[in-house]
Amino acid sequence: MGFFDTLKKAGSSAYDALQQNAAEIQELKDRLDCYSDDQLFRNLHYGSYQQRAACSLLLQERGYSKEEVAEAIKHRR
């Protein structure tokens, strides 16, 4: 049973980390929602992974495609 207990703990820990990460991204989305599209595109290149993810999601919610956001990341619009 030791192996399965360890596996369960590892899975639980990973799930908790994902939940915390999602909560941080949502908080950032709420805070960055007042930014213009240009500001969000600029912020795709700076800050933490969570901040970049929040900017990307906000831009997609505003009608930009995943491809447009990815292209902006590549070319530092």
C-alpha atoms as a PDB file:
ATOM      1  CA  MET A   1       0.000   0.000   0.000  1.00  0.00           C
ATOM      2  CA  GLY A   2       2.946   2.373   0.473  1.00  0.00           C
ATOM      3  CA  PHE A   3       3.379   2.895  -3.258  1.00  0.00           C
ATOM      4  CA  PHE A   4      -0.277   3.809  -3.764  1.00  0.00           C
ATOM      5  CA  ASP A   5      -0.262   6.153  -0.785  1.00  0.00           C
ATOM      6  CA  THR A   6       2.755   7.940  -2.251  1.00  0.00           C
ATOM      7  CA  LEU A   7       1.074   8.097  -5.644  1.00  0.00           C
ATOM      8  CA  LYS A   8      -2.089   9.505  -4.077  1.00  0.00           C
ATOM      9  CA  LYS A   9      -0.111  12.185  -2.222  1.00  0.00           C
ATOM     10  CA  ALA A  10       1.739  13.160  -5.383  1.00  0.00           C
ATOM     11  CA  GLY A  11      -1.514  13.433  -7.326  1.00  0.00           C
ATOM     12  CA  SER A  12      -3.150  15.437  -4.578  1.00  0.00           C
ATOM     13  CA  SER A  13      -0.175  17.785  -4.365  1.00  0.00           C
ATOM     14  CA  ALA A  14      -0.174  18.351  -8.127  1.00  0.00           C
ATOM     15  CA  TYR A  15      -3.920  19.006  -8.102  1.00  0.00           C
ATOM     16  CA  ASP A  16      -3.544  21.541  -5.284  1.00  0.00           C
ATOM     17  CA  ALA A  17      -0.780  23.329  -7.195  1.00  0.00           C
ATOM     18  CA  LEU A  18      -2.946  23.502 -10.320  1.00  0.00           C
ATOM     19  CA  GLN A  19      -5.858  24.888  -8.324  1.00  0.00           C
ATOM     20  CA  GLN A  20      -3.642  27.557  -6.770  1.00  0.00           C
ATOM     21  CA  ASN A  21      -2.200  28.465 -10.170  1.00  0.00           C
ATOM     22  CA  ALA A  22      -5.693  28.799 -11.668  1.00  0.00           C
ATOM     23  CA  ALA A  23      -6.791  31.015  -8.777  1.00  0.00           C
ATOM     24  CA  GLU A  24      -3.747  33.284  -9.249  1.00  0.00           C
ATOM     25  CA  ILE A  25      -4.454  33.587 -12.978  1.00  0.00           C
ATOM     26  CA  GLN A  26      -8.097  34.475 -12.295  1.00  0.00           C
ATOM     27  CA  GLU A  27      -7.065  37.162  -9.782  1.00  0.00           C
ATOM     28  CA  LEU A  28      -4.663  38.621 -12.339  1.00  0.00           C
ATOM     29  CA  LYS A  29      -7.355  38.550 -15.040  1.00  0.00           C
ATOM     30  CA  ASP A  30      -9.658  40.501 -12.747  1.00  0.00           C
ATOM     31  CA  ARG A  31      -6.917  43.043 -12.034  1.00  0.00           C
ATOM     32  CA  LEU A  32      -5.746  43.388 -15.660  1.00  0.00           C
ATOM     33  CA  ASP A  33      -9.223  43.561 -17.191  1.00  0.00           C
ATOM     34  CA  CYS A  34      -9.087  47.376 -17.337  1.00  0.00           C
ATOM     35  CA  TYR A  35      -5.931  47.308 -19.516  1.00  0.00           C
ATOM     36  CA  SER A  36      -6.231  48.163 -23.187  1.00  0.00           C
ATOM     37  CA  ASP A  37      -5.546  45.509 -25.804  1.00  0.00           C
ATOM     38  CA  ASP A  38      -2.187  47.143 -26.574  1.00  0.00           C
ATOM     39  CA  GLN A  39      -1.182  47.035 -22.904  1.00  0.00           C
ATOM     40  CA  LEU A  40      -2.147  43.370 -22.698  1.00  0.00           C
ATOM     41  CA  PHE A  41      -0.140  42.563 -25.823  1.00  0.00           C
ATOM     42  CA  ARG A  42       2.892  44.338 -24.337  1.00  0.00           C
ATOM     43  CA  ASN A  43       2.494  42.451 -21.063  1.00  0.00           C
ATOM     44  CA  LEU A  44       2.613  39.115 -22.887  1.00  0.00           C
ATOM     45  CA  HIS A  45       6.404  39.454 -22.748  1.00  0.00           C
ATOM     46  CA  TYR A  46       6.920  40.447 -19.128  1.00  0.00           C
ATOM     47  CA  GLY A  47       6.156  39.185 -15.679  1.00  0.00           C
ATOM     48  CA  SER A  48       5.372  35.767 -14.358  1.00  0.00           C
ATOM     49  CA  TYR A  49       3.906  32.855 -16.256  1.00  0.00           C
ATOM     50  CA  GLN A  50       0.592  33.568 -14.516  1.00  0.00           C
ATOM     51  CA  GLN A  51       0.573  37.196 -15.677  1.00  0.00           C
ATOM     52  CA  ARG A  52       1.335  36.227 -19.265  1.00  0.00           C
ATOM     53  CA  ALA A  53      -1.377  33.563 -19.152  1.00  0.00           C
ATOM     54  CA  ALA A  54      -3.898  36.070 -17.785  1.00  0.00           C
ATOM     55  CA  CYS A  55      -3.084  38.529 -20.583  1.00  0.00           C
ATOM     56  CA  SER A  56      -3.404  35.802 -23.188  1.00  0.00           C
ATOM     57  CA  LEU A  57      -6.771  34.663 -21.848  1.00  0.00           C
ATOM     58  CA  LEU A  58      -8.119  38.215 -21.667  1.00  0.00           C
ATOM     59  CA  LEU A  59      -7.103  38.867 -25.268  1.00  0.00           C
ATOM     60  CA  GLN A  60      -8.831  35.668 -26.364  1.00  0.00           C
ATOM     61  CA  GLU A  61     -11.954  36.689 -24.457  1.00  0.00           C
ATOM     62  CA  ARG A  62     -11.847  39.997 -26.351  1.00  0.00           C
ATOM     63  CA  GLY A  63     -11.998  38.181 -29.674  1.00  0.00           C
ATOM     64  CA  TYR A  64      -8.375  37.549 -30.612  1.00  0.00           C
ATOM     65  CA  SER A  65      -7.627  34.026 -31.761  1.00  0.00           C
ATOM     66  CA  LYS A  66      -5.026  31.800 -30.133  1.00  0.00           C
ATOM     67  CA  GLU A  67      -3.005  32.121 -33.313  1.00  0.00           C
ATOM     68  CA  GLU A  68      -3.036  35.929 -33.179  1.00  0.00           C
ATOM     69  CA  VAL A  69      -1.895  35.901 -29.564  1.00  0.00           C
ATOM     70  CA  ALA A  70       0.813  33.328 -30.305  1.00  0.00           C
ATOM     71  CA  GLU A  71       2.013  35.383 -33.266  1.00  0.00           C
ATOM     72  CA  ALA A  72       2.184  38.504 -31.091  1.00  0.00           C
ATOM     73  CA  ILE A  73       4.285  36.593 -28.562  1.00  0.00           C
ATOM     74  CA  LYS A  74       6.710  35.532 -31.294  1.00  0.00           C
ATOM     75  CA  HIS A  75       7.051  39.007 -32.800  1.00  0.00           C
ATOM     76  CA  ARG A  76       6.785  41.143 -29.676  1.00  0.00           C
ATOM     77  CA  ARG A  77       4.017  43.251 -31.123  1.00  0.00           C
END
